[in-house]
């Protein structure tokens, strides 16, 4: 029923909601939060886990259902056994060790977000990727934003084609004249 949570008329192409976590607040505030996930997989953040592991959702689906796709099944309609609700489509997890070291991981339910050119050009996935990289780096943010921009060059053009055309025509004639002069001089020897 949540038509804003998927693209156009295709409920398999999800438009997830960015969560208000510190890692994504800058994107949400600047309204750069539109992403598309084609056939995304959902994750479950279990409440019972090791106390040294912290996990939070980065992207959530709208009100939807999990649909297992099996061979020979063409329909995306909800089946009676398909669970419904709001699902985590990207998770950020941290683990802290006794020696004060830590590890970080971000799982995203679909890699097309960073691989498909159309998605990179028409959604905010490059900005999301930079936010994810800053998060994994653990360093402070810099103001340097490296976003792809199309490079457009003006084509090379000659102002007048008269001079190149004259040179192209005179070169073979000059070679012919030079050859006649050399051959004429050799003939008189």
Protein backbone atom coordinates (compact mmCIF):
# COMPACT_ATOMS: atom_id res chain seq x y z
CA UNK A 1 0.00 0.00 0.00
CA UNK A 2 2.99 2.35 0.50
CA UNK A 3 3.42 3.57 -3.09
CA UNK A 4 6.38 5.82 -2.16
CA UNK A 5 8.42 2.77 -1.13
CA UNK A 6 8.78 1.35 -4.64
CA UNK A 7 9.49 2.69 -8.12
CA UNK A 8 6.63 3.51 -10.48
CA UNK A 9 4.42 0.46 -10.92
CA UNK A 10 7.05 -2.17 -10.12
CA UNK A 11 6.92 -3.34 -6.50
CA UNK A 12 10.15 -5.35 -7.03
CA UNK A 13 12.16 -2.12 -7.43
CA UNK A 14 12.27 -0.72 -3.90
CA UNK A 15 12.80 2.93 -3.00
CA UNK A 16 14.06 2.47 0.58
CA UNK A 17 13.86 5.02 3.37
CA UNK A 18 17.18 6.25 4.78
CA UNK A 19 17.22 6.00 8.54
CA UNK A 20 18.01 9.00 10.72
CA UNK A 21 21.41 7.73 11.88
CA UNK A 22 24.48 9.98 12.23
CA UNK A 23 26.09 8.37 9.17
CA UNK A 24 23.27 9.50 6.88
CA UNK A 25 21.93 12.69 8.49
CA UNK A 26 23.77 14.98 6.07
CA UNK A 27 22.16 13.22 3.08
CA UNK A 28 18.70 13.27 4.65
CA UNK A 29 18.93 16.97 5.54
CA UNK A 30 20.07 17.91 2.03
CA UNK A 31 17.26 15.75 0.54
CA UNK A 32 19.72 13.43 -1.21
CA UNK A 33 18.03 10.31 0.08
CA UNK A 34 16.42 8.79 -3.04
CA UNK A 35 17.80 5.32 -3.85
CA UNK A 36 16.51 2.33 -5.81
CA UNK A 37 17.14 -1.33 -4.99
CA UNK A 38 16.17 -3.89 -7.61
CA UNK A 39 15.15 -7.19 -6.07
CA UNK A 40 16.73 -6.31 -2.73
CA UNK A 41 17.32 -8.79 0.05
CA UNK A 42 16.33 -8.03 3.61
CA UNK A 43 18.34 -8.52 6.80
CA UNK A 44 17.19 -9.28 10.29
CA UNK A 45 18.90 -7.56 13.20
CA UNK A 46 18.58 -10.00 16.06
CA UNK A 47 18.00 -8.53 19.52
CA UNK A 48 19.86 -11.42 21.21
CA UNK A 49 23.50 -11.11 20.18
CA UNK A 50 26.94 -10.70 21.67
CA UNK A 51 27.18 -7.51 23.77
CA UNK A 52 30.29 -6.43 21.85
CA UNK A 53 28.35 -6.22 18.57
CA UNK A 54 26.28 -3.16 17.71
CA UNK A 55 24.06 -3.10 14.62
CA UNK A 56 21.76 -0.47 13.21
CA UNK A 57 19.62 -0.16 10.12
CA UNK A 58 20.69 2.27 7.38
CA UNK A 59 17.90 1.59 4.86
CA UNK A 60 14.39 0.31 5.57
CA UNK A 61 11.65 -0.80 3.24
CA UNK A 62 8.16 0.58 3.37
CA UNK A 63 5.30 -1.64 4.50
CA UNK A 64 6.04 -4.69 2.36
CA UNK A 65 6.46 -8.45 2.42
CA UNK A 66 9.26 -10.94 1.85
CA UNK A 67 8.65 -13.07 -1.18
CA UNK A 68 10.69 -16.21 -1.86
CA UNK A 69 11.25 -16.62 -5.57
CA UNK A 70 11.35 -20.24 -6.67
CA UNK A 71 11.82 -21.90 -10.04
CA UNK A 72 8.77 -21.76 -12.25
CA UNK A 73 7.12 -19.00 -10.24
CA UNK A 74 6.34 -15.87 -12.27
CA UNK A 75 4.13 -13.96 -9.86
CA UNK A 76 5.24 -11.39 -7.30
CA UNK A 77 1.89 -11.50 -5.51
CA UNK A 78 2.00 -12.05 -1.78
CA UNK A 79 1.57 -15.64 -0.71
CA UNK A 80 -0.05 -16.75 2.55
CA UNK A 81 3.31 -17.70 4.09
CA UNK A 82 5.16 -14.47 3.09
CA UNK A 83 6.04 -12.38 6.18
CA UNK A 84 4.96 -8.73 6.09
CA UNK A 85 6.27 -5.58 7.77
CA UNK A 86 9.18 -3.16 7.55
CA UNK A 87 12.51 -4.75 6.67
CA UNK A 88 16.15 -3.70 6.97
CA UNK A 89 17.74 -3.42 3.52
CA UNK A 90 21.15 -2.13 4.65
CA UNK A 91 22.80 -2.71 8.03
CA UNK A 92 25.83 -1.11 9.68
CA UNK A 93 27.50 -3.37 12.25
CA UNK A 94 30.43 -2.71 14.59
CA UNK A 95 32.27 -5.14 16.82
CA UNK A 96 34.60 -4.09 19.63
CA UNK A 97 37.31 -6.43 20.90
CA UNK A 98 39.00 -6.68 24.29
CA UNK A 99 42.28 -5.31 22.91
CA UNK A 100 40.44 -2.05 22.04
CA UNK A 101 40.40 -2.78 18.34
CA UNK A 102 37.22 -2.82 16.33
CA UNK A 103 35.82 -3.93 13.02
CA UNK A 104 33.08 -2.40 10.90
CA UNK A 105 30.84 -3.83 8.23
CA UNK A 106 28.05 -2.52 6.05
CA UNK A 107 25.75 -5.01 4.33
CA UNK A 108 23.50 -3.80 1.54
CA UNK A 109 20.72 -5.93 0.08
CA UNK A 110 21.63 -5.18 -3.53
CA UNK A 111 24.97 -4.41 -5.20
CA UNK A 112 23.33 -2.80 -8.25
CA UNK A 113 23.13 0.36 -6.16
CA UNK A 114 26.86 0.87 -6.83
CA UNK A 115 27.29 -0.99 -10.15
CA UNK A 116 24.51 0.14 -12.47
CA UNK A 117 25.27 3.32 -14.42
CA UNK A 118 21.60 4.32 -14.68
CA UNK A 119 21.19 4.11 -10.89
CA UNK A 120 24.42 6.04 -10.34
CA UNK A 121 23.23 8.80 -12.69
CA UNK A 122 19.60 9.05 -11.58
CA UNK A 123 19.67 8.41 -7.84
CA UNK A 124 21.87 9.53 -4.97
CA UNK A 125 23.83 6.28 -4.80
CA UNK A 126 27.25 8.02 -5.33
CA UNK A 127 26.55 10.21 -2.30
CA UNK A 128 25.35 7.18 -0.33
CA UNK A 129 28.54 5.32 -1.30
CA UNK A 130 30.69 8.22 -0.07
CA UNK A 131 28.76 8.30 3.22
CA UNK A 132 29.30 4.53 3.60
CA UNK A 133 33.03 4.88 2.87
CA UNK A 134 33.39 7.69 5.41
CA UNK A 135 31.62 5.51 7.96
CA UNK A 136 33.84 2.50 7.30
CA UNK A 137 36.96 4.69 7.34
CA UNK A 138 36.07 5.96 10.80
CA UNK A 139 37.90 9.20 10.10
CA UNK A 140 36.58 12.69 10.20
CA UNK A 141 34.71 14.01 7.22
CA UNK A 142 36.41 16.41 4.90
CA UNK A 143 34.71 19.03 2.80
CA UNK A 144 36.15 17.51 -0.36
CA UNK A 145 33.30 15.95 -2.28
CA UNK A 146 34.44 13.77 -5.17
CA UNK A 147 31.37 13.27 -7.29
CA UNK A 148 31.48 12.15 -10.89
CA UNK A 149 30.84 14.82 -13.46
CA UNK A 150 30.55 14.36 -17.20
CA UNK A 151 33.52 15.69 -19.15
CA UNK A 152 32.45 17.54 -22.28
CA UNK A 153 34.94 18.86 -24.77
CA UNK A 154 34.23 20.99 -27.80
CA UNK A 155 35.12 19.19 -31.01
CA UNK A 156 38.13 20.35 -33.01
CA UNK A 157 37.06 22.53 -35.92
CA UNK A 158 38.99 24.27 -38.66
CA UNK A 159 37.91 27.84 -39.29
CA UNK A 160 38.52 27.53 -43.03
CA UNK A 161 39.07 24.42 -45.13
CA UNK A 162 40.70 26.35 -48.00
CA UNK A 163 44.30 26.18 -46.75
CA UNK A 164 44.24 22.43 -45.86
CA UNK A 165 42.56 21.62 -49.20
CA UNK A 166 45.18 23.59 -51.19
CA UNK A 167 48.01 21.89 -49.28
CA UNK A 168 46.45 18.46 -49.85
CA UNK A 169 46.22 19.15 -53.59
CA UNK A 170 49.67 20.78 -53.99
CA UNK A 171 51.63 18.05 -52.16
CA UNK A 172 51.26 15.36 -54.85
CA UNK A 173 51.89 17.99 -57.56
CA UNK A 174 55.05 19.17 -55.75
CA UNK A 175 56.30 15.58 -55.47
CA UNK A 176 55.63 15.07 -59.21
CA UNK A 177 57.55 18.24 -60.16
CA UNK A 178 60.45 17.32 -57.87
CA UNK A 179 60.59 13.80 -59.40
CA UNK A 180 60.63 15.20 -62.98
CA UNK A 181 63.51 17.55 -62.09
CA UNK A 182 65.59 14.72 -60.55
CA UNK A 183 64.85 12.26 -63.35
CA UNK A 184 65.57 14.93 -66.00
CA UNK A 185 68.94 15.67 -64.43
CA UNK A 186 69.84 11.95 -64.34
CA UNK A 187 68.86 11.47 -67.96
CA UNK A 188 71.37 14.07 -69.12
CA UNK A 189 74.30 12.32 -67.41
